[in-house]
PDB file of N, CA and C in Angstrom:
ATOM      1  N   MET A   1     202.863 183.413 101.512  1.00  0.00           N
ATOM      2  CA  MET A   1     204.104 182.948 100.958  1.00  0.00           C
ATOM      3  C   MET A   1     203.806 181.885  99.910  1.00  0.00           C
ATOM      4  N   ALA A   2     204.756 181.692  99.077  1.00  0.00           N
ATOM      5  CA  ALA A   2     204.622 180.685  98.032  1.00  0.00           C
ATOM      6  C   ALA A   2     205.875 179.825  98.013  1.00  0.00           C
ATOM      7  N   ALA A   3     205.688 178.550  97.780  1.00  0.00           N
ATOM      8  CA  ALA A   3     206.821 177.633  97.688  1.00  0.00           C
ATOM      9  C   ALA A   3     206.697 176.812  96.411  1.00  0.00           C
ATOM     10  N   ARG A   4     207.845 176.544  95.801  1.00  0.00           N
ATOM     11  CA  ARG A   4     207.921 175.673  94.636  1.00  0.00           C
ATOM     12  C   ARG A   4     208.768 174.485  95.060  1.00  0.00           C
ATOM     13  N   ILE A   5     208.186 173.293  95.011  1.00  0.00           N
ATOM     14  CA  ILE A   5     208.865 172.107  95.510  1.00  0.00           C
ATOM     15  C   ILE A   5     208.948 171.063  94.411  1.00  0.00           C
ATOM     16  N   GLU A   6     210.173 170.663  94.099  1.00  0.00           N
ATOM     17  CA  GLU A   6     210.392 169.605  93.114  1.00  0.00           C
ATOM     18  C   GLU A   6     210.415 168.272  93.846  1.00  0.00           C
ATOM     19  N   ILE A   7     209.672 167.305  93.303  1.00  0.00           N
ATOM     20  CA  ILE A   7     209.531 165.998  93.931  1.00  0.00           C
ATOM     21  C   ILE A   7     209.938 164.929  92.924  1.00  0.00           C
ATOM     22  N   ASN A   8     210.747 163.981  93.368  1.00  0.00           N
ATOM     23  CA  ASN A   8     211.225 162.919  92.469  1.00  0.00           C
ATOM     24  C   ASN A   8     210.090 162.144  91.830  1.00  0.00           C
ATOM     25  N   GLU A   9     209.087 161.782  92.588  1.00  0.00           N
ATOM     26  CA  GLU A   9     208.005 160.927  92.095  1.00  0.00           C
ATOM     27  C   GLU A   9     206.848 161.718  91.484  1.00  0.00           C
ATOM     28  N   LEU A  10     207.022 162.993  91.231  1.00  0.00           N
ATOM     29  CA  LEU A  10     205.919 163.824  90.746  1.00  0.00           C
ATOM     30  C   LEU A  10     205.486 163.453  89.340  1.00  0.00           C
ATOM     31  N   GLY A  11     206.335 162.827  88.562  1.00  0.00           N
ATOM     32  CA  GLY A  11     205.980 162.415  87.214  1.00  0.00           C
ATOM     33  C   GLY A  11     204.907 161.345  87.185  1.00  0.00           C
ATOM     34  N   ASP A  12     204.717 160.640  88.284  1.00  0.00           N
ATOM     35  CA  ASP A  12     203.714 159.585  88.394  1.00  0.00           C
ATOM     36  C   ASP A  12     202.355 160.223  88.699  1.00  0.00           C
ATOM     37  N   VAL A  13     201.488 160.287  87.711  1.00  0.00           N
ATOM     38  CA  VAL A  13     200.184 160.943  87.855  1.00  0.00           C
ATOM     39  C   VAL A  13     199.360 160.329  88.981  1.00  0.00           C
ATOM     40  N   GLY A  14     199.518 159.054  89.230  1.00  0.00           N
ATOM     41  CA  GLY A  14     198.782 158.396  90.297  1.00  0.00           C
ATOM     42  C   GLY A  14     199.127 158.926  91.675  1.00  0.00           C
ATOM     43  N   ARG A  15     200.302 159.505  91.831  1.00  0.00           N
ATOM     44  CA  ARG A  15     200.745 160.045  93.126  1.00  0.00           C
ATOM     45  C   ARG A  15     200.310 161.484  93.354  1.00  0.00           C
ATOM     46  N   HIS A  16     199.887 162.178  92.297  1.00  0.00           N
ATOM     47  CA  HIS A  16     199.526 163.593  92.421  1.00  0.00           C
ATOM     48  C   HIS A  16     198.505 163.835  93.528  1.00  0.00           C
ATOM     49  N   LYS A  17     197.400 163.079  93.500  1.00  0.00           N
ATOM     50  CA  LYS A  17     196.331 163.297  94.474  1.00  0.00           C
ATOM     51  C   LYS A  17     196.804 162.995  95.889  1.00  0.00           C
ATOM     52  N   GLU A  18     197.559 161.925  96.058  1.00  0.00           N
ATOM     53  CA  GLU A  18     198.058 161.568  97.387  1.00  0.00           C
ATOM     54  C   GLU A  18     198.933 162.689  97.965  1.00  0.00           C
ATOM     55  N   ILE A  19     199.815 163.227  97.157  1.00  0.00           N
ATOM     56  CA  ILE A  19     200.725 164.286  97.605  1.00  0.00           C
ATOM     57  C   ILE A  19     199.963 165.586  97.858  1.00  0.00           C
ATOM     58  N   THR A  20     199.112 165.994  96.919  1.00  0.00           N
ATOM     59  CA  THR A  20     198.385 167.257  97.107  1.00  0.00           C
ATOM     60  C   THR A  20     197.412 167.173  98.281  1.00  0.00           C
ATOM     61  N   ASP A  21     196.781 166.028  98.496  1.00  0.00           N
ATOM     62  CA  ASP A  21     195.881 165.875  99.646  1.00  0.00           C
ATOM     63  C   ASP A  21     196.638 165.998 100.965  1.00  0.00           C
ATOM     64  N   ALA A  22     197.838 165.438 101.034  1.00  0.00           N
ATOM     65  CA  ALA A  22     198.642 165.519 102.257  1.00  0.00           C
ATOM     66  C   ALA A  22     199.017 166.963 102.568  1.00  0.00           C
ATOM     67  N   VAL A  23     199.347 167.727 101.550  1.00  0.00           N
ATOM     68  CA  VAL A  23     199.720 169.132 101.750  1.00  0.00           C
ATOM     69  C   VAL A  23     198.482 169.967 102.080  1.00  0.00           C
ATOM     70  N   ARG A  24     197.383 169.740 101.379  1.00  0.00           N
ATOM     71  CA  ARG A  24     196.145 170.488 101.645  1.00  0.00           C
ATOM     72  C   ARG A  24     195.639 170.286 103.076  1.00  0.00           C
ATOM     73  N   ALA A  25     195.955 169.165 103.689  1.00  0.00           N
ATOM     74  CA  ALA A  25     195.491 168.864 105.042  1.00  0.00           C
ATOM     75  C   ALA A  25     196.162 169.745 106.106  1.00  0.00           C
ATOM     76  N   LEU A  26     197.236 170.422 105.755  1.00  0.00           N
ATOM     77  CA  LEU A  26     197.933 171.285 106.707  1.00  0.00           C
ATOM     78  C   LEU A  26     197.163 172.582 106.932  1.00  0.00           C
ATOM     79  N   ASP A  27     197.119 173.037 108.182  1.00  0.00           N
ATOM     80  CA  ASP A  27     196.536 174.342 108.481  1.00  0.00           C
ATOM     81  C   ASP A  27     197.370 175.415 107.794  1.00  0.00           C
ATOM     82  N   GLY A  28     196.713 176.399 107.222  1.00  0.00           N
ATOM     83  CA  GLY A  28     197.411 177.517 106.608  1.00  0.00           C
ATOM     84  C   GLY A  28     197.695 177.363 105.132  1.00  0.00           C
ATOM     85  N   VAL A  29     197.449 176.197 104.564  1.00  0.00           N
ATOM     86  CA  VAL A  29     197.675 176.015 103.128  1.00  0.00           C
ATOM     87  C   VAL A  29     196.487 176.620 102.383  1.00  0.00           C
ATOM     88  N   ILE A  30     196.768 177.523 101.474  1.00  0.00           N
ATOM     89  CA  ILE A  30     195.730 178.251 100.744  1.00  0.00           C
ATOM     90  C   ILE A  30     195.447 177.596  99.400  1.00  0.00           C
ATOM     91  N   GLU A  31     196.508 177.244  98.685  1.00  0.00           N
ATOM     92  CA  GLU A  31     196.338 176.659  97.347  1.00  0.00           C
ATOM     93  C   GLU A  31     197.477 175.704  97.058  1.00  0.00           C
ATOM     94  N   VAL A  32     197.152 174.619  96.383  1.00  0.00           N
ATOM     95  CA  VAL A  32     198.149 173.632  95.966  1.00  0.00           C
ATOM     96  C   VAL A  32     197.884 173.295  94.511  1.00  0.00           C
ATOM     97  N   LYS A  33     198.924 173.359  93.682  1.00  0.00           N
ATOM     98  CA  LYS A  33     198.759 172.952  92.290  1.00  0.00           C
ATOM     99  C   LYS A  33     200.064 172.368  91.783  1.00  0.00           C
ATOM    100  N   ILE A  34     199.932 171.551  90.766  1.00  0.00           N
ATOM    101  CA  ILE A  34     201.094 170.951  90.121  1.00  0.00           C
ATOM    102  C   ILE A  34     201.220 171.579  88.737  1.00  0.00           C
ATOM    103  N   ALA A  35     202.385 172.177  88.493  1.00  0.00           N
ATOM    104  CA  ALA A  35     202.638 172.820  87.201  1.00  0.00           C
ATOM    105  C   ALA A  35     204.142 172.845  86.953  1.00  0.00           C
ATOM    106  N   LYS A  36     204.516 172.712  85.713  1.00  0.00           N
ATOM    107  CA  LYS A  36     205.920 172.790  85.301  1.00  0.00           C
ATOM    108  C   LYS A  36     206.804 171.861  86.132  1.00  0.00           C
ATOM    109  N   SER A  37     206.365 170.631  86.289  1.00  0.00           N
ATOM    110  CA  SER A  37     207.128 169.579  86.966  1.00  0.00           C
ATOM    111  C   SER A  37     207.438 169.878  88.435  1.00  0.00           C
ATOM    112  N   ALA A  38     206.581 170.656  89.089  1.00  0.00           N
ATOM    113  CA  ALA A  38     206.793 170.964  90.502  1.00  0.00           C
ATOM    114  C   ALA A  38     205.458 171.173  91.202  1.00  0.00           C
ATOM    115  N   LEU A  39     205.494 171.054  92.520  1.00  0.00           N
ATOM    116  CA  LEU A  39     204.333 171.325  93.355  1.00  0.00           C
ATOM    117  C   LEU A  39     204.441 172.779  93.807  1.00  0.00           C
ATOM    118  N   HIS A  40     203.396 173.554  93.567  1.00  0.00           N
ATOM    119  CA  HIS A  40     203.367 174.962  93.946  1.00  0.00           C
ATOM    120  C   HIS A  40     202.359 175.116  95.077  1.00  0.00           C
ATOM    121  N   VAL A  41     202.813 175.698  96.182  1.00  0.00           N
ATOM    122  CA  VAL A  41     201.972 175.828  97.366  1.00  0.00           C
ATOM    123  C   VAL A  41     201.953 177.287  97.811  1.00  0.00           C
ATOM    124  N   SER A  42     200.758 177.814  98.000  1.00  0.00           N
ATOM    125  CA  SER A  42     200.572 179.138  98.575  1.00  0.00           C
ATOM    126  C   SER A  42     200.081 178.919 100.002  1.00  0.00           C
ATOM    127  N   TYR A  43     200.740 179.562 100.975  1.00  0.00           N
ATOM    128  CA  TYR A  43     200.392 179.288 102.369  1.00  0.00           C
ATOM    129  C   TYR A  43     200.590 180.506 103.260  1.00  0.00           C
ATOM    130  N   ASP A  44     199.936 180.465 104.414  1.00  0.00           N
ATOM    131  CA  ASP A  44     200.050 181.502 105.427  1.00  0.00           C
ATOM    132  C   ASP A  44     201.240 181.136 106.322  1.00  0.00           C
ATOM    133  N   PRO A  45     202.304 181.930 106.325  1.00  0.00           N
ATOM    134  CA  PRO A  45     203.490 181.591 107.113  1.00  0.00           C
ATOM    135  C   PRO A  45     203.255 181.675 108.622  1.00  0.00           C
ATOM    136  N   LEU A  46     202.141 182.241 109.044  1.00  0.00           N
ATOM    137  CA  LEU A  46     201.807 182.285 110.465  1.00  0.00           C
ATOM    138  C   LEU A  46     201.200 180.962 110.926  1.00  0.00           C
ATOM    139  N   SER A  47     200.732 180.147 109.976  1.00  0.00           N
ATOM    140  CA  SER A  47     200.071 178.879 110.316  1.00  0.00           C
ATOM    141  C   SER A  47     200.899 177.646 109.997  1.00  0.00           C
ATOM    142  N   THR A  48     201.752 177.739 108.989  1.00  0.00           N
ATOM    143  CA  THR A  48     202.571 176.583 108.610  1.00  0.00           C
ATOM    144  C   THR A  48     203.908 177.062 108.067  1.00  0.00           C
ATOM    145  N   THR A  49     204.798 176.131 107.832  1.00  0.00           N
ATOM    146  CA  THR A  49     206.131 176.465 107.325  1.00  0.00           C
ATOM    147  C   THR A  49     206.462 175.575 106.130  1.00  0.00           C
ATOM    148  N   GLU A  50     207.496 175.964 105.424  1.00  0.00           N
ATOM    149  CA  GLU A  50     207.948 175.150 104.294  1.00  0.00           C
ATOM    150  C   GLU A  50     208.404 173.775 104.789  1.00  0.00           C
ATOM    151  N   LYS A  51     209.012 173.729 105.957  1.00  0.00           N
ATOM    152  CA  LYS A  51     209.466 172.439 106.509  1.00  0.00           C
ATOM    153  C   LYS A  51     208.284 171.519 106.789  1.00  0.00           C
ATOM    154  N   LYS A  52     207.173 172.048 107.283  1.00  0.00           N
ATOM    155  CA  LYS A  52     205.986 171.229 107.537  1.00  0.00           C
ATOM    156  C   LYS A  52     205.405 170.716 106.221  1.00  0.00           C
ATOM    157  N   ILE A  53     205.454 171.545 105.190  1.00  0.00           N
ATOM    158  CA  ILE A  53     204.964 171.133 103.872  1.00  0.00           C
ATOM    159  C   ILE A  53     205.837 170.001 103.341  1.00  0.00           C
ATOM    160  N   GLU A  54     207.153 170.160 103.454  1.00  0.00           N
ATOM    161  CA  GLU A  54     208.062 169.107 103.003  1.00  0.00           C
ATOM    162  C   GLU A  54     207.836 167.816 103.795  1.00  0.00           C
ATOM    163  N   HIS A  55     207.600 167.931 105.087  1.00  0.00           N
ATOM    164  CA  HIS A  55     207.338 166.750 105.920  1.00  0.00           C
ATOM    165  C   HIS A  55     206.062 166.035 105.455  1.00  0.00           C
ATOM    166  N   ALA A  56     205.016 166.808 105.128  1.00  0.00           N
ATOM    167  CA  ALA A  56     203.764 166.216 104.634  1.00  0.00           C
ATOM    168  C   ALA A  56     204.014 165.462 103.327  1.00  0.00           C
ATOM    169  N   ILE A  57     204.841 166.013 102.463  1.00  0.00           N
ATOM    170  CA  ILE A  57     205.175 165.361 101.193  1.00  0.00           C
ATOM    171  C   ILE A  57     205.922 164.053 101.471  1.00  0.00           C
ATOM    172  N   ARG A  58     206.905 164.121 102.357  1.00  0.00           N
ATOM    173  CA  ARG A  58     207.693 162.920 102.682  1.00  0.00           C
ATOM    174  C   ARG A  58     206.839 161.845 103.352  1.00  0.00           C
ATOM    175  N   SER A  59     205.785 162.253 104.061  1.00  0.00           N
ATOM    176  CA  SER A  59     204.923 161.276 104.736  1.00  0.00           C
ATOM    177  C   SER A  59     204.187 160.386 103.737  1.00  0.00           C
ATOM    178  N   THR A  60     204.125 160.806 102.471  1.00  0.00           N
ATOM    179  CA  THR A  60     203.491 159.991 101.436  1.00  0.00           C
ATOM    180  C   THR A  60     204.483 159.005 100.816  1.00  0.00           C
ATOM    181  N   GLY A  61     205.737 159.097 101.217  1.00  0.00           N
ATOM    182  CA  GLY A  61     206.771 158.242 100.648  1.00  0.00           C
ATOM    183  C   GLY A  61     207.520 158.900  99.501  1.00  0.00           C
ATOM    184  N   ALA A  62     207.150 160.129  99.169  1.00  0.00           N
ATOM    185  CA  ALA A  62     207.816 160.857  98.087  1.00  0.00           C
ATOM    186  C   ALA A  62     209.103 161.492  98.601  1.00  0.00           C
ATOM    187  N   THR A  63     210.007 161.784  97.682  1.00  0.00           N
ATOM    188  CA  THR A  63     211.286 162.397  98.015  1.00  0.00           C
ATOM    189  C   THR A  63     211.346 163.806  97.443  1.00  0.00           C
ATOM    190  N   VAL A  64     211.653 164.780  98.303  1.00  0.00           N
ATOM    191  CA  VAL A  64     211.782 166.171  97.863  1.00  0.00           C
ATOM    192  C   VAL A  64     213.160 166.347  97.243  1.00  0.00           C
ATOM    193  N   LYS A  65     213.188 166.817  95.973  1.00  0.00           N
ATOM    194  CA  LYS A  65     214.454 167.069  95.280  1.00  0.00           C
ATOM    195  C   LYS A  65     214.991 168.449  95.631  1.00  0.00           C
ATOM    196  N   ALA A  66     214.122 169.457  95.554  1.00  0.00           N
ATOM    197  CA  ALA A  66     214.530 170.836  95.809  1.00  0.00           C
ATOM    198  C   ALA A  66     213.303 171.640  96.202  1.00  0.00           C
ATOM    199  N   ALA A  67     213.541 172.699  96.991  1.00  0.00           N
ATOM    200  CA  ALA A  67     212.443 173.560  97.416  1.00  0.00           C
ATOM    201  C   ALA A  67     212.924 174.999  97.451  1.00  0.00           C
ATOM    202  N   ALA A  68     212.040 175.899  97.072  1.00  0.00           N
ATOM    203  CA  ALA A  68     212.349 177.322  97.119  1.00  0.00           C
ATOM    204  C   ALA A  68     211.098 178.078  97.531  1.00  0.00           C
ATOM    205  N   ALA A  69     211.266 179.022  98.446  1.00  0.00           N
ATOM    206  CA  ALA A  69     210.134 179.831  98.909  1.00  0.00           C
ATOM    207  C   ALA A  69     210.295 181.253  98.403  1.00  0.00           C
ATOM    208  N   ASP A  70     209.184 181.880  98.108  1.00  0.00           N
ATOM    209  CA  ASP A  70     209.158 183.270  97.670  1.00  0.00           C
ATOM    210  C   ASP A  70     208.657 184.098  98.841  1.00  0.00           C
ATOM    211  N   THR A  71     209.563 184.831  99.474  1.00  0.00           N
ATOM    212  CA  THR A  71     209.169 185.645 100.624  1.00  0.00           C
ATOM    213  C   THR A  71     208.856 187.085 100.228  1.00  0.00           C
ATOM    214  N   GLU A  72     209.102 187.434  98.992  1.00  0.00           N
ATOM    215  CA  GLU A  72     208.897 188.805  98.543  1.00  0.00           C
ATOM    216  C   GLU A  72     207.453 189.121  98.210  1.00  0.00           C
ATOM    217  N   THR A  73     206.717 188.151  97.683  1.00  0.00           N
ATOM    218  CA  THR A  73     205.370 188.406  97.199  1.00  0.00           C
ATOM    219  C   THR A  73     204.352 187.655  98.049  1.00  0.00           C
ATOM    220  N   PRO A  74     203.617 188.369  98.915  1.00  0.00           N
ATOM    221  CA  PRO A  74     202.607 187.667  99.706  1.00  0.00           C
ATOM    222  C   PRO A  74     201.419 187.268  98.844  1.00  0.00           C
ATOM    223  N   HIS A  75     200.734 186.234  99.266  1.00  0.00           N
ATOM    224  CA  HIS A  75     199.524 185.813  98.587  1.00  0.00           C
ATOM    225  C   HIS A  75     198.509 186.952  98.697  1.00  0.00           C
ATOM    226  N   PRO A  76     197.709 187.247  97.637  1.00  0.00           N
ATOM    227  CA  PRO A  76     196.750 188.355  97.686  1.00  0.00           C
ATOM    228  C   PRO A  76     195.800 188.296  98.880  1.00  0.00           C
ATOM    229  N   ASP A  77     195.409 187.111  99.328  1.00  0.00           N
ATOM    230  CA  ASP A  77     194.515 186.994 100.475  1.00  0.00           C
ATOM    231  C   ASP A  77     195.195 187.415 101.772  1.00  0.00           C
ATOM    232  N   LEU A  78     196.513 187.414 101.793  1.00  0.00           N
ATOM    233  CA  LEU A  78     197.235 187.731 103.019  1.00  0.00           C
ATOM    234  C   LEU A  78     197.592 189.201 103.132  1.00  0.00           C
ATOM    235  N   THR A  79     197.443 189.973 102.065  1.00  0.00           N
ATOM    236  CA  THR A  79     197.834 191.380 102.116  1.00  0.00           C
ATOM    237  C   THR A  79     196.978 192.172 103.081  1.00  0.00           C
ATOM    238  N   MET A  80     195.770 191.738 103.329  1.00  0.00           N
ATOM    239  CA  MET A  80     194.898 192.449 104.254  1.00  0.00           C
ATOM    240  C   MET A  80     195.392 192.326 105.696  1.00  0.00           C
ATOM    241  N   LEU A  81     196.192 191.314 106.009  1.00  0.00           N
ATOM    242  CA  LEU A  81     196.682 191.148 107.374  1.00  0.00           C
ATOM    243  C   LEU A  81     197.482 192.356 107.826  1.00  0.00           C
ATOM    244  N   GLY A  82     198.214 192.982 106.924  1.00  0.00           N
ATOM    245  CA  GLY A  82     198.996 194.159 107.268  1.00  0.00           C
ATOM    246  C   GLY A  82     198.148 195.391 107.510  1.00  0.00           C
ATOM    247  N   GLU A  83     196.885 195.349 107.097  1.00  0.00           N
ATOM    248  CA  GLU A  83     196.006 196.489 107.251  1.00  0.00           C
ATOM    249  C   GLU A  83     195.216 196.447 108.547  1.00  0.00           C
ATOM    250  N   LEU A  84     195.313 195.384 109.314  1.00  0.00           N
ATOM    251  CA  LEU A  84     194.569 195.266 110.558  1.00  0.00           C
ATOM    252  C   LEU A  84     195.120 196.245 111.590  1.00  0.00           C
ATOM    253  N   LYS A  85     194.252 196.856 112.324  1.00  0.00           N
ATOM    254  CA  LYS A  85     194.650 197.807 113.365  1.00  0.00           C
ATOM    255  C   LYS A  85     194.429 197.155 114.726  1.00  0.00           C
ATOM    256  N   PRO A  86     195.285 197.445 115.717  1.00  0.00           N
ATOM    257  CA  PRO A  86     195.098 196.863 117.034  1.00  0.00           C
ATOM    258  C   PRO A  86     193.814 197.376 117.687  1.00  0.00           C
ATOM    259  N   LEU A  87     193.238 196.560 118.547  1.00  0.00           N
ATOM    260  CA  LEU A  87     192.042 196.961 119.267  1.00  0.00           C
ATOM    261  C   LEU A  87     192.387 198.036 120.271  1.00  0.00           C
ATOM    262  N   GLN A  88     191.539 199.016 120.432  1.00  0.00           N
ATOM    263  CA  GLN A  88     191.768 200.122 121.372  1.00  0.00           C
ATOM    264  C   GLN A  88     191.245 199.783 122.738  1.00  0.00           C
TER     265      GLN A  88
END
């Protein structure tokens, strides 16, 4: 899954590392980047949730303005999960 999260304090370059490190510390987070005035997170929905990501952001003292998740397009690394067969 992918989430795009707008953060009030994201314009402050000094806060970028603090915020991205907090999100990267979560289990299931695959990629974190800042682009187009938002934090973009690719994650495994079986390991973490958008709410946990938002909580990690808030733990740095930042305020989440808006968040949107893309449930239609899985991360390329996660597409193989659907191909797993049960053990016989």
